[in-house]
Amino acid sequence: MSVEIRRVASDEWAEVKALRLRALADEIAHLAFLDTLEHASAQPDEFWQERTRNAASGDQAAQFVAIAEDGAWFGSATVLDHRDHPGSGLVVGVYVADGHRGAGAIEALFGAAASWARQTGRTALYLEVHVDNHRAQRAYERCGFVRTGEITQLDNGEEYVMVRALGAADSVGA
């Protein structure tokens, strides 16, 4: 089965919205996301249009998606400037739909995110994962993330801070 991994285009806001709502409907969304299905569903189209435009171009943020051979979107990861670690990216909104997990999509999404981050001068990717979200922790470790020892307190509980250093191998063409 062929999978396409790429950055979103600015006119794909409806697909971005649908994928986000699907992610927020996941059974462990309360551990993985700070948003709720109810809140996100109530956002106007303009919200999704701006969100997608911001993630589609430039060096401040990028959203990468996994698209199946039949055109169905099933995975996503977004990189933002990290507020606490200048020169690094913060990965948020990581999701791979049930039925596609364990087939390499998460590794491909993180590969695309790492390549973009390296090309834009970042030296590391950080993420935060809920202490009870063991499935995600294992996936992130497979993708080269390690715990920093720091634990953050968010609205949904404690989260481990993880980091992946970026090297030349994370650049396209390297």
C-alpha atoms as a PDB file:
ATOM      1  CA  MET A   1       0.000   0.000   0.000  1.00  0.00           C
ATOM      2  CA  SER A   2       1.331   3.370  -1.031  1.00  0.00           C
ATOM      3  CA  VAL A   3       1.274   6.297   1.395  1.00  0.00           C
ATOM      4  CA  GLU A   4       1.947   9.930   0.577  1.00  0.00           C
ATOM      5  CA  ILE A   5       3.575  12.095   3.256  1.00  0.00           C
ATOM      6  CA  ARG A   6       3.629  15.810   2.528  1.00  0.00           C
ATOM      7  CA  ARG A   7       3.049  19.300   3.831  1.00  0.00           C
ATOM      8  CA  VAL A   8      -0.514  20.574   3.653  1.00  0.00           C
ATOM      9  CA  ALA A   9      -1.524  23.037   0.937  1.00  0.00           C
ATOM     10  CA  SER A  10      -3.238  26.281   1.905  1.00  0.00           C
ATOM     11  CA  ASP A  11      -6.523  25.350   0.212  1.00  0.00           C
ATOM     12  CA  GLU A  12      -6.894  22.026   2.067  1.00  0.00           C
ATOM     13  CA  TRP A  13      -8.542  23.458   5.166  1.00  0.00           C
ATOM     14  CA  ALA A  14     -11.595  21.182   4.920  1.00  0.00           C
ATOM     15  CA  GLU A  15      -9.349  18.100   4.955  1.00  0.00           C
ATOM     16  CA  VAL A  16      -7.293  19.543   7.830  1.00  0.00           C
ATOM     17  CA  LYS A  17     -10.491  20.160   9.786  1.00  0.00           C
ATOM     18  CA  ALA A  18     -11.894  16.680   9.109  1.00  0.00           C
ATOM     19  CA  LEU A  19      -8.648  14.992  10.159  1.00  0.00           C
ATOM     20  CA  ARG A  20      -8.403  17.068  13.344  1.00  0.00           C
ATOM     21  CA  LEU A  21     -11.991  16.233  14.299  1.00  0.00           C
ATOM     22  CA  ARG A  22     -11.266  12.553  13.651  1.00  0.00           C
ATOM     23  CA  ALA A  23      -8.209  12.771  15.916  1.00  0.00           C
ATOM     24  CA  LEU A  24     -10.208  14.466  18.669  1.00  0.00           C
ATOM     25  CA  ALA A  25     -12.802  11.674  18.473  1.00  0.00           C
ATOM     26  CA  ASP A  26     -10.126   9.039  19.241  1.00  0.00           C
ATOM     27  CA  GLU A  27     -10.659   7.116  22.485  1.00  0.00           C
ATOM     28  CA  ILE A  28      -7.488   8.510  24.074  1.00  0.00           C
ATOM     29  CA  ALA A  29      -7.798  12.049  22.698  1.00  0.00           C
ATOM     30  CA  HIS A  30      -8.179  13.347  26.262  1.00  0.00           C
ATOM     31  CA  LEU A  31      -4.572  12.239  26.868  1.00  0.00           C
ATOM     32  CA  ALA A  32      -3.166  13.346  23.541  1.00  0.00           C
ATOM     33  CA  PHE A  33      -4.725  16.738  22.823  1.00  0.00           C
ATOM     34  CA  LEU A  34      -5.486  19.877  24.783  1.00  0.00           C
ATOM     35  CA  ASP A  35      -8.536  20.550  22.620  1.00  0.00           C
ATOM     36  CA  THR A  36     -11.904  18.783  22.614  1.00  0.00           C
ATOM     37  CA  LEU A  37     -14.084  17.550  19.780  1.00  0.00           C
ATOM     38  CA  GLU A  38     -16.873  19.846  20.934  1.00  0.00           C
ATOM     39  CA  HIS A  39     -14.673  22.947  20.945  1.00  0.00           C
ATOM     40  CA  ALA A  40     -12.998  22.220  17.615  1.00  0.00           C
ATOM     41  CA  SER A  41     -16.312  21.365  15.951  1.00  0.00           C
ATOM     42  CA  ALA A  42     -17.670  24.786  16.912  1.00  0.00           C
ATOM     43  CA  GLN A  43     -14.842  26.695  15.192  1.00  0.00           C
ATOM     44  CA  PRO A  44     -15.887  28.642  12.061  1.00  0.00           C
ATOM     45  CA  ASP A  45     -14.448  27.845   8.646  1.00  0.00           C
ATOM     46  CA  GLU A  46     -12.267  30.970   8.877  1.00  0.00           C
ATOM     47  CA  PHE A  47     -10.445  29.424  11.844  1.00  0.00           C
ATOM     48  CA  TRP A  48      -9.577  26.306   9.817  1.00  0.00           C
ATOM     49  CA  GLN A  49      -8.633  28.353   6.757  1.00  0.00           C
ATOM     50  CA  GLU A  50      -6.173  30.472   8.734  1.00  0.00           C
ATOM     51  CA  ARG A  51      -4.777  27.477  10.601  1.00  0.00           C
ATOM     52  CA  THR A  52      -4.130  25.673   7.320  1.00  0.00           C
ATOM     53  CA  ARG A  53      -2.619  28.730   5.605  1.00  0.00           C
ATOM     54  CA  ASN A  54      -0.208  29.172   8.528  1.00  0.00           C
ATOM     55  CA  ALA A  55       0.899  25.532   8.331  1.00  0.00           C
ATOM     56  CA  ALA A  56       1.191  25.406   4.541  1.00  0.00           C
ATOM     57  CA  SER A  57       4.053  27.818   3.908  1.00  0.00           C
ATOM     58  CA  GLY A  58       6.857  29.713   5.564  1.00  0.00           C
ATOM     59  CA  ASP A  59       9.340  28.749   8.246  1.00  0.00           C
ATOM     60  CA  GLN A  60       7.274  29.336  11.405  1.00  0.00           C
ATOM     61  CA  ALA A  61       5.036  26.260  11.287  1.00  0.00           C
ATOM     62  CA  ALA A  62       4.405  23.246   9.075  1.00  0.00           C
ATOM     63  CA  GLN A  63       1.777  20.524   9.135  1.00  0.00           C
ATOM     64  CA  PHE A  64       2.542  17.192   7.520  1.00  0.00           C
ATOM     65  CA  VAL A  65      -0.125  14.674   6.575  1.00  0.00           C
ATOM     66  CA  ALA A  66      -0.295  10.998   5.678  1.00  0.00           C
ATOM     67  CA  ILE A  67      -2.597  10.202   2.764  1.00  0.00           C
ATOM     68  CA  ALA A  68      -3.558   6.692   1.717  1.00  0.00           C
ATOM     69  CA  GLU A  69      -3.534   5.466  -1.865  1.00  0.00           C
ATOM     70  CA  ASP A  70      -7.305   6.011  -2.052  1.00  0.00           C
ATOM     71  CA  GLY A  71      -6.884   9.683  -1.072  1.00  0.00           C
ATOM     72  CA  ALA A  72      -8.031   9.292   2.540  1.00  0.00           C
ATOM     73  CA  TRP A  73      -6.145  11.412   5.060  1.00  0.00           C
ATOM     74  CA  PHE A  74      -5.201   9.360   8.114  1.00  0.00           C
ATOM     75  CA  GLY A  75      -2.244  10.958   9.871  1.00  0.00           C
ATOM     76  CA  SER A  76      -0.757  14.287  10.845  1.00  0.00           C
ATOM     77  CA  ALA A  77       2.063  16.004  12.716  1.00  0.00           C
ATOM     78  CA  THR A  78       2.677  19.750  13.051  1.00  0.00           C
ATOM     79  CA  VAL A  79       5.918  21.551  13.916  1.00  0.00           C
ATOM     80  CA  LEU A  80       5.861  25.002  15.544  1.00  0.00           C
ATOM     81  CA  ASP A  81       8.606  27.280  16.820  1.00  0.00           C
ATOM     82  CA  HIS A  82       9.428  26.119  20.336  1.00  0.00           C
ATOM     83  CA  ARG A  83       8.618  28.795  22.900  1.00  0.00           C
ATOM     84  CA  ASP A  84      11.231  27.639  25.430  1.00  0.00           C
ATOM     85  CA  HIS A  85      14.009  26.299  23.183  1.00  0.00           C
ATOM     86  CA  PRO A  86      15.043  28.789  20.492  1.00  0.00           C
ATOM     87  CA  GLY A  87      16.336  27.079  17.363  1.00  0.00           C
ATOM     88  CA  SER A  88      14.131  24.048  18.015  1.00  0.00           C
ATOM     89  CA  GLY A  89      10.719  22.900  16.898  1.00  0.00           C
ATOM     90  CA  LEU A  90       7.794  21.740  18.998  1.00  0.00           C
ATOM     91  CA  VAL A  91       5.813  18.860  17.516  1.00  0.00           C
ATOM     92  CA  VAL A  92       2.076  18.958  18.234  1.00  0.00           C
ATOM     93  CA  GLY A  93      -1.101  17.401  16.917  1.00  0.00           C
ATOM     94  CA  VAL A  94       0.419  13.992  16.226  1.00  0.00           C
ATOM     95  CA  TYR A  95      -2.165  11.493  15.056  1.00  0.00           C
ATOM     96  CA  VAL A  96      -2.334   8.275  13.059  1.00  0.00           C
ATOM     97  CA  ALA A  97      -5.773   6.714  12.649  1.00  0.00           C
ATOM     98  CA  ASP A  98      -6.516   3.253  13.935  1.00  0.00           C
ATOM     99  CA  GLY A  99      -6.015   0.777  11.118  1.00  0.00           C
ATOM    100  CA  HIS A 100      -2.880   2.596   9.940  1.00  0.00           C
ATOM    101  CA  ARG A 101      -0.851   2.360  13.145  1.00  0.00           C
ATOM    102  CA  GLY A 102       2.233   0.187  13.169  1.00  0.00           C
ATOM    103  CA  ALA A 103       2.762   0.415   9.406  1.00  0.00           C
ATOM    104  CA  GLY A 104       5.427   3.136   9.358  1.00  0.00           C
ATOM    105  CA  ALA A 105       3.260   6.237   8.964  1.00  0.00           C
ATOM    106  CA  ILE A 106       4.396   7.829  12.226  1.00  0.00           C
ATOM    107  CA  GLU A 107       8.032   7.312  11.289  1.00  0.00           C
ATOM    108  CA  ALA A 108       7.397   8.876   7.873  1.00  0.00           C
ATOM    109  CA  LEU A 109       5.560  11.854   9.391  1.00  0.00           C
ATOM    110  CA  PHE A 110       8.399  12.470  11.836  1.00  0.00           C
ATOM    111  CA  GLY A 111      10.906  12.029   9.015  1.00  0.00           C
ATOM    112  CA  ALA A 112       9.200  14.765   6.995  1.00  0.00           C
ATOM    113  CA  ALA A 113       8.920  16.983  10.072  1.00  0.00           C
ATOM    114  CA  ALA A 114      12.604  16.473  10.920  1.00  0.00           C
ATOM    115  CA  SER A 115      13.711  17.184   7.361  1.00  0.00           C
ATOM    116  CA  TRP A 116      11.715  20.430   7.247  1.00  0.00           C
ATOM    117  CA  ALA A 117      12.923  21.468  10.704  1.00  0.00           C
ATOM    118  CA  ARG A 118      16.557  20.859   9.751  1.00  0.00           C
ATOM    119  CA  GLN A 119      16.138  22.764   6.466  1.00  0.00           C
ATOM    120  CA  THR A 120      14.772  25.731   8.413  1.00  0.00           C
ATOM    121  CA  GLY A 121      17.769  25.769  10.758  1.00  0.00           C
ATOM    122  CA  ARG A 122      16.363  23.924  13.745  1.00  0.00           C
ATOM    123  CA  THR A 123      18.657  21.601  15.637  1.00  0.00           C
ATOM    124  CA  ALA A 124      16.109  19.580  17.618  1.00  0.00           C
ATOM    125  CA  LEU A 125      12.463  18.594  17.813  1.00  0.00           C
ATOM    126  CA  TYR A 126      10.655  18.516  21.138  1.00  0.00           C
ATOM    127  CA  LEU A 127       7.285  17.109  22.050  1.00  0.00           C
ATOM    128  CA  GLU A 128       5.254  16.544  25.181  1.00  0.00           C
ATOM    129  CA  VAL A 129       3.422  13.289  25.826  1.00  0.00           C
ATOM    130  CA  HIS A 130       0.997  12.484  28.631  1.00  0.00           C
ATOM    131  CA  VAL A 131       2.514  10.204  31.278  1.00  0.00           C
ATOM    132  CA  ASP A 132      -0.388   7.763  30.787  1.00  0.00           C
ATOM    133  CA  ASN A 133      -0.209   7.694  26.971  1.00  0.00           C
ATOM    134  CA  HIS A 134       2.028   4.649  26.711  1.00  0.00           C
ATOM    135  CA  ARG A 135       1.120   3.914  23.078  1.00  0.00           C
ATOM    136  CA  ALA A 136       2.395   7.331  21.984  1.00  0.00           C
ATOM    137  CA  GLN A 137       5.490   7.111  24.175  1.00  0.00           C
ATOM    138  CA  ARG A 138       6.528   3.849  22.497  1.00  0.00           C
ATOM    139  CA  ALA A 139       5.929   5.322  19.038  1.00  0.00           C
ATOM    140  CA  TYR A 140       7.962   8.431  19.819  1.00  0.00           C
ATOM    141  CA  GLU A 141      10.835   6.371  21.173  1.00  0.00           C
ATOM    142  CA  ARG A 142      10.853   4.330  17.930  1.00  0.00           C
ATOM    143  CA  CYS A 143      11.176   7.643  16.086  1.00  0.00           C
ATOM    144  CA  GLY A 144      14.295   8.684  17.996  1.00  0.00           C
ATOM    145  CA  PHE A 145      12.797  10.789  20.787  1.00  0.00           C
ATOM    146  CA  VAL A 146      14.186  10.439  24.312  1.00  0.00           C
ATOM    147  CA  ARG A 147      12.905  11.800  27.604  1.00  0.00           C
ATOM    148  CA  THR A 148      14.663  14.910  28.818  1.00  0.00           C
ATOM    149  CA  GLY A 149      13.787  14.274  32.472  1.00  0.00           C
ATOM    150  CA  GLU A 150      11.498  17.297  32.494  1.00  0.00           C
ATOM    151  CA  ILE A 151       7.800  16.895  33.272  1.00  0.00           C
ATOM    152  CA  THR A 152       5.314  19.626  32.439  1.00  0.00           C
ATOM    153  CA  GLN A 153       1.939  20.182  34.064  1.00  0.00           C
ATOM    154  CA  LEU A 154      -0.839  20.906  31.583  1.00  0.00           C
ATOM    155  CA  ASP A 155      -4.611  21.074  31.871  1.00  0.00           C
ATOM    156  CA  ASN A 156      -4.892  17.365  31.074  1.00  0.00           C
ATOM    157  CA  GLY A 157      -2.219  16.274  33.572  1.00  0.00           C
ATOM    158  CA  GLU A 158       1.522  15.635  33.619  1.00  0.00           C
ATOM    159  CA  GLU A 159       3.470  15.189  30.410  1.00  0.00           C
ATOM    160  CA  TYR A 160       6.974  13.962  29.719  1.00  0.00           C
ATOM    161  CA  VAL A 161       9.124  16.249  27.602  1.00  0.00           C
ATOM    162  CA  MET A 162      10.939  14.342  24.860  1.00  0.00           C
ATOM    163  CA  VAL A 163      13.563  15.517  22.359  1.00  0.00           C
ATOM    164  CA  ARG A 164      15.075  14.309  19.097  1.00  0.00           C
ATOM    165  CA  ALA A 165      18.333  15.924  18.042  1.00  0.00           C
ATOM    166  CA  LEU A 166      18.514  16.679  14.337  1.00  0.00           C
ATOM    167  CA  GLY A 167      21.585  15.831  12.319  1.00  0.00           C
ATOM    168  CA  ALA A 168      22.582  16.004   8.687  1.00  0.00           C
ATOM    169  CA  ALA A 169      20.733  12.719   8.050  1.00  0.00           C
ATOM    170  CA  ASP A 170      17.461  14.559   8.732  1.00  0.00           C
ATOM    171  CA  SER A 171      18.008  16.824   5.713  1.00  0.00           C
ATOM    172  CA  VAL A 172      16.542  16.067   2.322  1.00  0.00           C
ATOM    173  CA  GLY A 173      19.201  14.721   0.015  1.00  0.00           C
ATOM    174  CA  ALA A 174      21.563  13.837   2.857  1.00  0.00           C
END
